[in-house]
Amino acid sequence: MNQPVLKRAVFFIGGYEPKTPSAFFGRLFKQLSRFDALWDYRSDVSPVDVTQDNEVGVATISTHAAAENWSTSTDFNFLSLDKIVLCDFARPMPMRLLCYCRAFADFLISGTAFHFFNKAWRFGLYFLYPFLVLTIFALVGYIAAQLTFQWFGLASWLVGVLIFALALSVAGERWSTNHLMDLWSFSLEFIRGRRADADALLQRFAETVVAKTKAEGYDEVILIGHSTGGLLIVDVAARCLSIDNAFAGSARKVVLLTLGSTALKAGYHPAGKNFRKAVEVLIKDDNLAWVEIQCLTDAINFYKTDPVAEMGLDPKAGRAFPIVRTIKIREMLQRETYARIKRNLFRVHYQYVCANTKPYWYDFFQICCGPIFLLERVESHIVGGLATKEGTFV
């Protein structure tokens, strides 16, 4: 191993879901304890400091490995989308439904959805899922109207509408249909530049990243985006470079890491010009690295694709950008754990940011808290804290 990471900063944006910094760190610390148990480490965590009106949560994680004689400190910054998501959830249901139908039609008419099926057919089915469930709800409402017509006449259509609304409010919440409707609505609005609130939030995130990185002498800075966060963290990284064109040289290594990213929903869309321009900004910076982690078991990502190539952009001269790596979740988890989660679409999608139960080269907490630089770990498939090659660990 080269010189270890002594001090690291992580800036993390998760998927489109309501999660406060306190809730996020509560889950993170539980996963961290499992990480410690697997590797026989000890991680000490500071109290969570919530700043910027609950938009950013920060905790310092100090991880020690007595047997391996190393210690690494990580300032973990959670960049919260909570307010934006809750604001979308709070809209009247007719408005949410209308916005979703408009977004669904837009992705179809623009041809973007056909790219989904062409490159990742399971992601295409994920895109269709809310629409198919809504179709079932509408069919149930129609049947109810037909069955009650003999008693209520034309008023039976009110019965159908009520049945549809009831299905949407109960089953729609339980089956994540309403959540996914809002996700696709938000995605389209962001792609088309119609989310001033999101733009302002991402700008504040970028200013926070630049200010904190300048103020501290970090060995490594990692900007991480998971799921829809993979789209948003690319935007944040480009904003950081716009604020300070020397940002990517502010630490020994500055790396963008996208996990199970859905960024190509913007990359493929004809209206995603601003997003593609953001990617071009990243390509032009020689100091910035980008790692993209994908997984076949996870339906909510674009497996075995190069995002830059898929967008039709010119690659970075002389080196891979991004460095694309695929992982196997079944090799990260004990057999019984994998058997329990493998049919749970969303749980599999979350495994990128959960603790492993078996040693494997991809380990979210080794990346965030371990002594090895991300690029070194990824390029050599390093397992553990002081390993030399895949399958060999201390």
Protein backbone atom coordinates (compact mmCIF):
# COMPACT_ATOMS: atom_id res chain seq x y z
CA MET A 1 0.00 0.00 0.00
CA ASN A 2 1.16 3.53 -0.73
CA GLN A 3 0.99 6.23 1.93
CA PRO A 4 -2.36 5.75 3.73
CA VAL A 5 -5.20 8.21 3.96
CA LEU A 6 -5.03 9.96 7.32
CA LYS A 7 -7.78 12.50 6.76
CA ARG A 8 -10.67 12.27 4.30
CA ALA A 9 -13.82 14.20 3.47
CA VAL A 10 -16.92 12.51 2.10
CA PHE A 11 -19.84 14.48 0.65
CA PHE A 12 -22.82 12.22 0.05
CA ILE A 13 -26.15 12.70 -1.76
CA GLY A 14 -28.57 9.80 -1.61
CA GLY A 15 -31.59 8.97 -3.69
CA TYR A 16 -34.84 10.89 -4.01
CA GLU A 17 -36.34 10.16 -0.60
CA PRO A 18 -37.22 12.06 2.57
CA LYS A 19 -34.36 11.66 5.02
CA THR A 20 -33.11 14.14 7.59
CA PRO A 21 -29.43 14.20 8.57
CA SER A 22 -30.34 12.69 11.95
CA ALA A 23 -32.23 9.80 10.33
CA PHE A 24 -29.44 9.23 7.82
CA PHE A 25 -26.68 9.07 10.40
CA GLY A 26 -28.79 6.83 12.63
CA ARG A 27 -28.83 4.25 9.85
CA LEU A 28 -25.22 4.90 8.85
CA PHE A 29 -23.90 4.29 12.37
CA LYS A 30 -25.75 0.95 12.60
CA GLN A 31 -24.11 -0.14 9.36
CA LEU A 32 -20.76 1.16 10.61
CA SER A 33 -20.94 -1.14 13.64
CA ARG A 34 -21.40 -4.12 11.28
CA PHE A 35 -18.39 -2.95 9.29
CA ASP A 36 -16.32 -2.85 12.48
CA ALA A 37 -17.47 -6.35 13.44
CA LEU A 38 -16.53 -7.79 10.04
CA TRP A 39 -13.02 -6.33 10.03
CA ASP A 40 -12.30 -6.20 13.76
CA TYR A 41 -11.96 -2.40 13.67
CA ARG A 42 -13.06 0.28 16.09
CA SER A 43 -14.83 3.38 14.78
CA ASP A 44 -15.46 6.34 17.05
CA VAL A 45 -18.07 8.83 15.90
CA SER A 46 -18.62 12.44 16.87
CA PRO A 47 -22.04 13.94 17.55
CA VAL A 48 -23.85 14.90 14.36
CA ASP A 49 -23.58 18.61 13.62
CA VAL A 50 -26.56 19.80 11.58
CA THR A 51 -26.05 23.05 9.71
CA GLN A 52 -27.65 25.19 7.00
CA ASP A 53 -31.22 24.85 8.22
CA ASN A 54 -31.05 21.05 8.37
CA GLU A 55 -29.68 20.74 4.82
CA VAL A 56 -26.27 19.38 5.79
CA GLY A 57 -25.31 16.96 8.53
CA VAL A 58 -21.68 16.30 9.47
CA ALA A 59 -20.08 13.66 11.65
CA THR A 60 -16.42 12.75 12.07
CA ILE A 61 -15.68 9.02 11.98
CA SER A 62 -12.29 7.93 13.36
CA THR A 63 -11.54 4.33 12.40
CA HIS A 64 -8.69 2.40 14.01
CA ALA A 65 -7.19 -1.00 13.22
CA ALA A 66 -4.78 -1.99 15.99
CA ALA A 67 -3.72 -5.21 14.27
CA GLU A 68 -2.97 -3.37 11.03
CA ASN A 69 -1.51 -0.29 12.72
CA TRP A 70 -3.47 2.44 10.95
CA SER A 71 -5.98 5.12 11.82
CA THR A 72 -8.10 7.22 9.45
CA SER A 73 -10.37 10.17 10.21
CA THR A 74 -13.31 10.92 7.89
CA ASP A 75 -15.50 14.00 7.94
CA PHE A 76 -18.74 12.56 6.55
CA ASN A 77 -21.09 15.21 5.14
CA PHE A 78 -24.66 14.22 4.30
CA LEU A 79 -26.31 16.57 1.81
CA SER A 80 -30.02 16.23 2.42
CA LEU A 81 -32.82 16.38 -0.16
CA ASP A 82 -35.42 16.04 2.59
CA LYS A 83 -37.17 19.40 2.16
CA ILE A 84 -37.49 19.14 -1.61
CA VAL A 85 -38.90 15.61 -1.46
CA LEU A 86 -41.36 16.40 1.34
CA CYS A 87 -42.51 19.49 -0.54
CA ASP A 88 -43.25 17.31 -3.58
CA PHE A 89 -45.05 14.74 -1.42
CA ALA A 90 -47.22 17.48 0.11
CA ARG A 91 -48.79 18.52 -3.20
CA PRO A 92 -52.46 17.57 -3.72
CA MET A 93 -52.76 14.10 -5.22
CA PRO A 94 -54.43 15.30 -8.46
CA MET A 95 -51.44 17.58 -9.06
CA ARG A 96 -48.97 14.77 -8.33
CA LEU A 97 -50.83 12.50 -10.71
CA LEU A 98 -50.97 15.12 -13.46
CA CYS A 99 -47.25 15.92 -13.13
CA TYR A 100 -46.39 12.25 -13.31
CA CYS A 101 -48.52 11.61 -16.41
CA ARG A 102 -46.86 14.57 -18.09
CA ALA A 103 -43.40 13.27 -17.15
CA PHE A 104 -44.22 9.72 -18.31
CA ALA A 105 -45.44 11.02 -21.68
CA ASP A 106 -42.37 13.25 -22.02
CA PHE A 107 -39.91 10.39 -21.47
CA LEU A 108 -41.82 8.34 -24.05
CA ILE A 109 -42.30 11.02 -26.72
CA SER A 110 -38.72 12.26 -26.42
CA GLY A 111 -37.45 8.74 -27.07
CA THR A 112 -35.60 8.63 -23.75
CA ALA A 113 -37.57 5.61 -22.51
CA PHE A 114 -36.52 3.63 -25.56
CA HIS A 115 -32.89 4.17 -24.58
CA PHE A 116 -33.76 2.70 -21.18
CA PHE A 117 -35.04 -0.51 -22.74
CA ASN A 118 -32.23 -0.66 -25.27
CA LYS A 119 -29.43 -0.37 -22.70
CA ALA A 120 -31.01 -1.67 -19.48
CA TRP A 121 -34.36 -3.39 -20.02
CA ARG A 122 -34.90 -3.96 -16.30
CA PHE A 123 -34.47 -0.24 -15.69
CA GLY A 124 -37.06 0.21 -18.42
CA LEU A 125 -39.47 -1.96 -16.43
CA TYR A 126 -38.67 0.10 -13.34
CA PHE A 127 -39.63 3.19 -15.36
CA LEU A 128 -42.91 1.53 -16.41
CA TYR A 129 -43.80 0.27 -12.93
CA PRO A 130 -45.77 3.32 -11.63
CA PHE A 131 -47.69 3.59 -14.90
CA LEU A 132 -48.61 -0.10 -14.86
CA VAL A 133 -49.81 0.11 -11.25
CA LEU A 134 -51.88 3.20 -12.06
CA THR A 135 -53.38 1.32 -15.00
CA ILE A 136 -54.40 -1.49 -12.66
CA PHE A 137 -55.95 1.00 -10.23
CA ALA A 138 -57.87 2.62 -13.11
CA LEU A 139 -59.06 -0.78 -14.32
CA VAL A 140 -60.32 -1.67 -10.84
CA GLY A 141 -62.15 1.66 -10.71
CA TYR A 142 -63.68 1.02 -14.14
CA ILE A 143 -64.88 -2.44 -13.10
CA ALA A 144 -66.40 -0.97 -9.93
CA ALA A 145 -68.24 1.63 -12.03
CA GLN A 146 -69.60 -1.06 -14.36
CA LEU A 147 -70.75 -3.26 -11.48
CA THR A 148 -72.62 -0.40 -9.78
CA PHE A 149 -74.12 1.15 -12.90
CA GLN A 150 -77.43 -0.66 -12.47
CA TRP A 151 -77.92 0.98 -9.08
CA PHE A 152 -76.37 4.42 -9.53
CA GLY A 153 -76.55 5.08 -13.26
CA LEU A 154 -74.09 7.71 -14.41
CA ALA A 155 -73.21 8.40 -10.80
CA SER A 156 -71.45 5.00 -10.81
CA TRP A 157 -68.51 6.77 -12.39
CA LEU A 158 -68.07 8.62 -9.11
CA VAL A 159 -67.80 5.21 -7.45
CA GLY A 160 -65.07 4.30 -9.94
CA VAL A 161 -63.17 7.51 -9.24
CA LEU A 162 -63.46 6.94 -5.49
CA ILE A 163 -62.16 3.38 -5.82
CA PHE A 164 -59.24 4.63 -7.91
CA ALA A 165 -58.45 7.35 -5.35
CA LEU A 166 -58.67 4.86 -2.48
CA ALA A 167 -56.31 2.43 -4.24
CA LEU A 168 -53.89 5.26 -4.90
CA SER A 169 -53.90 6.49 -1.32
CA VAL A 170 -53.54 3.04 0.29
CA ALA A 171 -51.87 0.62 -2.12
CA GLY A 172 -50.06 3.47 -3.88
CA GLU A 173 -48.27 4.37 -0.66
CA ARG A 174 -47.58 0.77 0.33
CA TRP A 175 -46.20 -0.19 -3.07
CA SER A 176 -44.09 3.00 -3.43
CA THR A 177 -46.13 4.02 -6.49
CA ASN A 178 -46.76 7.56 -5.31
CA HIS A 179 -43.12 7.98 -4.31
CA LEU A 180 -41.93 6.86 -7.74
CA MET A 181 -44.47 9.10 -9.49
CA ASP A 182 -42.90 12.08 -7.73
CA LEU A 183 -39.39 10.84 -8.47
CA TRP A 184 -40.05 10.77 -12.22
CA SER A 185 -41.82 14.13 -12.06
CA PHE A 186 -38.87 15.66 -10.20
CA SER A 187 -36.40 14.08 -12.62
CA LEU A 188 -38.09 15.59 -15.66
CA GLU A 189 -38.49 19.00 -14.04
CA PHE A 190 -34.82 19.02 -13.07
CA ILE A 191 -33.69 17.88 -16.52
CA ARG A 192 -35.75 20.64 -18.14
CA GLY A 193 -34.44 23.29 -15.75
CA ARG A 194 -37.78 23.84 -14.01
CA ARG A 195 -36.64 23.24 -10.43
CA ALA A 196 -35.30 26.52 -9.13
CA ASP A 197 -35.46 25.11 -5.59
CA ALA A 198 -33.21 22.18 -6.55
CA ASP A 199 -30.81 24.43 -8.44
CA ALA A 200 -30.47 26.70 -5.42
CA LEU A 201 -29.97 23.76 -3.08
CA LEU A 202 -27.26 22.19 -5.27
CA GLN A 203 -25.51 25.54 -5.50
CA ARG A 204 -25.48 25.76 -1.69
CA PHE A 205 -24.13 22.21 -1.54
CA ALA A 206 -21.34 23.10 -3.97
CA GLU A 207 -20.42 26.19 -1.96
CA THR A 208 -20.30 24.05 1.19
CA VAL A 209 -18.07 21.45 -0.48
CA VAL A 210 -15.62 24.06 -1.78
CA ALA A 211 -15.47 25.99 1.50
CA LYS A 212 -14.91 22.90 3.64
CA THR A 213 -12.34 21.44 1.28
CA LYS A 214 -10.39 24.71 1.24
CA ALA A 215 -10.48 25.03 5.02
CA GLU A 216 -9.06 21.57 5.78
CA GLY A 217 -5.97 19.73 4.62
CA TYR A 218 -7.57 16.52 3.36
CA ASP A 219 -5.64 13.68 1.76
CA GLU A 220 -8.72 12.58 -0.15
CA VAL A 221 -12.06 14.15 -1.00
CA ILE A 222 -14.84 11.90 -2.33
CA LEU A 223 -18.13 13.23 -3.73
CA ILE A 224 -20.59 10.33 -3.63
CA GLY A 225 -23.99 10.05 -5.29
CA HIS A 226 -26.28 7.05 -4.96
CA SER A 227 -29.25 6.42 -7.28
CA THR A 228 -30.77 9.79 -8.29
CA GLY A 229 -27.98 11.25 -6.17
CA GLY A 230 -25.65 10.01 -8.90
CA LEU A 231 -27.27 12.55 -11.22
CA LEU A 232 -27.20 15.35 -8.66
CA ILE A 233 -23.62 14.84 -7.45
CA VAL A 234 -22.36 15.24 -11.03
CA ASP A 235 -24.11 18.59 -11.12
CA VAL A 236 -22.60 19.55 -7.74
CA ALA A 237 -19.10 18.57 -8.88
CA ALA A 238 -19.41 20.78 -11.96
CA ARG A 239 -20.64 23.66 -9.78
CA CYS A 240 -17.63 23.19 -7.49
CA LEU A 241 -15.31 23.62 -10.47
CA SER A 242 -17.24 26.71 -11.56
CA ILE A 243 -16.85 28.23 -8.10
CA ASP A 244 -13.15 27.33 -7.90
CA ASN A 245 -11.39 26.03 -10.99
CA ALA A 246 -8.63 24.67 -8.71
CA PHE A 247 -11.12 22.65 -6.63
CA ALA A 248 -9.98 19.25 -7.95
CA GLY A 249 -6.43 20.04 -6.83
CA SER A 250 -7.43 20.96 -3.28
CA ALA A 251 -6.50 17.49 -1.95
CA ARG A 252 -4.09 14.77 -3.02
CA LYS A 253 -7.04 12.97 -4.61
CA VAL A 254 -10.47 14.38 -5.45
CA VAL A 255 -12.82 11.71 -6.77
CA LEU A 256 -16.43 11.61 -7.92
CA LEU A 257 -18.06 8.27 -7.02
CA THR A 258 -21.45 7.27 -8.44
CA LEU A 259 -23.19 4.18 -7.06
CA GLY A 260 -26.14 2.55 -8.82
CA SER A 261 -26.53 5.83 -10.65
CA THR A 262 -29.58 6.73 -12.73
CA ALA A 263 -27.87 9.78 -14.27
CA LEU A 264 -28.43 8.55 -17.81
CA LYS A 265 -32.11 9.41 -17.51
CA ALA A 266 -30.81 12.97 -17.92
CA GLY A 267 -27.93 12.00 -20.18
CA TYR A 268 -30.22 10.36 -22.73
CA HIS A 269 -32.93 13.02 -22.67
CA PRO A 270 -32.80 15.56 -25.53
CA ALA A 271 -33.50 18.32 -23.00
CA GLY A 272 -30.57 17.27 -20.80
CA LYS A 273 -28.18 19.73 -22.43
CA ASN A 274 -27.24 21.41 -19.16
CA PHE A 275 -26.46 18.08 -17.58
CA ARG A 276 -24.26 17.04 -20.49
CA LYS A 277 -22.49 20.40 -20.28
CA ALA A 278 -21.83 19.67 -16.59
CA VAL A 279 -20.24 16.35 -17.56
CA GLU A 280 -18.10 18.13 -20.14
CA VAL A 281 -16.83 20.44 -17.39
CA LEU A 282 -15.71 17.36 -15.45
CA ILE A 283 -14.06 15.81 -18.49
CA LYS A 284 -11.93 18.91 -19.06
CA ASP A 285 -10.47 18.90 -15.55
CA ASP A 286 -7.27 16.84 -15.46
CA ASN A 287 -7.19 16.52 -11.67
CA LEU A 288 -10.66 15.09 -11.14
CA ALA A 289 -11.28 11.33 -11.25
CA TRP A 290 -14.65 9.61 -11.58
CA VAL A 291 -15.53 6.07 -10.52
CA GLU A 292 -18.86 4.52 -11.53
CA ILE A 293 -20.01 1.36 -9.72
CA GLN A 294 -22.71 -0.76 -11.37
CA CYS A 295 -24.38 -4.08 -10.56
CA LEU A 296 -26.34 -6.65 -12.57
CA THR A 297 -28.45 -7.74 -9.58
CA ASP A 298 -29.63 -4.15 -9.14
CA ALA A 299 -32.35 -3.27 -11.65
CA ILE A 300 -32.14 0.45 -10.85
CA ASN A 301 -28.93 1.28 -12.71
CA PHE A 302 -27.43 1.13 -16.19
CA TYR A 303 -25.30 -2.00 -15.99
CA LYS A 304 -22.18 -2.19 -18.15
CA THR A 305 -22.51 1.27 -19.67
CA ASP A 306 -19.99 4.08 -19.94
CA PRO A 307 -22.02 7.24 -19.09
CA VAL A 308 -19.73 9.57 -21.02
CA ALA A 309 -19.83 7.40 -24.16
CA GLU A 310 -23.60 6.92 -23.87
CA MET A 311 -24.06 10.70 -23.88
CA GLY A 312 -22.02 10.97 -27.07
CA LEU A 313 -19.33 13.07 -25.36
CA ASP A 314 -15.63 12.96 -26.13
CA PRO A 315 -13.73 10.93 -23.52
CA LYS A 316 -10.91 12.30 -21.41
CA ALA A 317 -7.66 11.92 -23.31
CA GLY A 318 -5.23 9.34 -21.97
CA ARG A 319 -7.29 7.80 -19.15
CA ALA A 320 -10.61 6.21 -18.38
CA PHE A 321 -13.28 8.68 -17.30
CA PRO A 322 -15.24 7.37 -15.63
CA ILE A 323 -13.56 4.21 -14.39
CA VAL A 324 -16.49 1.78 -14.63
CA ARG A 325 -16.51 -1.24 -12.33
CA THR A 326 -19.18 -3.87 -11.79
CA ILE A 327 -19.80 -5.60 -8.48
CA LYS A 328 -21.44 -8.87 -7.42
CA ILE A 329 -23.66 -8.44 -4.39
CA ARG A 330 -23.78 -12.18 -3.73
CA GLU A 331 -20.02 -12.04 -3.10
CA MET A 332 -20.44 -9.18 -0.62
CA LEU A 333 -22.92 -10.95 1.62
CA GLN A 334 -23.29 -14.21 3.52
CA ARG A 335 -25.49 -16.68 1.69
CA GLU A 336 -28.46 -16.32 4.04
CA THR A 337 -28.30 -12.52 3.89
CA TYR A 338 -28.19 -12.50 0.11
CA ALA A 339 -31.05 -15.00 -0.11
CA ARG A 340 -33.15 -12.73 2.12
CA ILE A 341 -32.67 -9.55 0.08
CA LYS A 342 -32.10 -10.62 -3.52
CA ARG A 343 -35.78 -10.38 -4.50
CA ASN A 344 -36.29 -7.05 -2.76
CA LEU A 345 -35.74 -4.46 -5.51
CA PHE A 346 -35.08 -1.51 -3.23
CA ARG A 347 -33.04 -3.40 -0.61
CA VAL A 348 -30.67 -4.64 -3.33
CA HIS A 349 -30.38 -1.08 -4.62
CA TYR A 350 -29.38 0.10 -1.13
CA GLN A 351 -26.61 -2.47 -0.74
CA TYR A 352 -24.13 -0.09 -2.38
CA VAL A 353 -24.26 2.00 0.82
CA CYS A 354 -24.72 -0.78 3.37
CA ALA A 355 -22.09 -2.80 5.22
CA ASN A 356 -20.85 -6.05 3.71
CA THR A 357 -21.06 -9.29 5.65
CA LYS A 358 -18.17 -10.85 3.70
CA PRO A 359 -14.81 -9.40 2.67
CA TYR A 360 -14.98 -8.07 -0.88
CA TRP A 361 -13.09 -5.42 -2.84
CA TYR A 362 -16.12 -3.12 -3.01
CA ASP A 363 -16.95 -2.08 0.54
CA PHE A 364 -18.69 1.26 1.09
CA PHE A 365 -17.21 1.71 4.55
CA GLN A 366 -13.69 0.74 3.52
CA ILE A 367 -14.00 3.41 0.84
CA CYS A 368 -15.27 6.01 3.29
CA CYS A 369 -13.33 5.06 6.42
CA GLY A 370 -10.43 2.83 5.41
CA PRO A 371 -6.76 3.82 4.85
CA ILE A 372 -6.59 3.17 1.09
CA PHE A 373 -7.29 5.77 -1.58
CA LEU A 374 -10.40 5.00 -3.63
CA LEU A 375 -8.57 4.91 -6.96
CA GLU A 376 -5.98 2.48 -5.61
CA ARG A 377 -8.71 0.22 -4.21
CA VAL A 378 -10.70 0.24 -7.44
CA GLU A 379 -7.81 -0.17 -9.84
CA SER A 380 -6.33 -3.15 -7.95
CA HIS A 381 -9.57 -4.59 -6.51
CA ILE A 382 -8.08 -4.34 -3.03
CA VAL A 383 -9.90 -6.19 -0.27
CA GLY A 384 -9.75 -4.86 3.27
CA GLY A 385 -7.48 -2.28 4.80
CA LEU A 386 -4.03 -3.58 3.94
CA ALA A 387 -4.63 -6.05 1.14
CA THR A 388 -2.44 -6.35 -1.92
CA LYS A 389 -4.81 -8.07 -4.34
CA GLU A 390 -8.36 -9.26 -4.68
CA GLY A 391 -9.09 -12.22 -2.46
CA THR A 392 -6.14 -11.54 -0.13
CA PHE A 393 -6.69 -9.42 2.93
CA VAL A 394 -5.22 -8.81 6.34
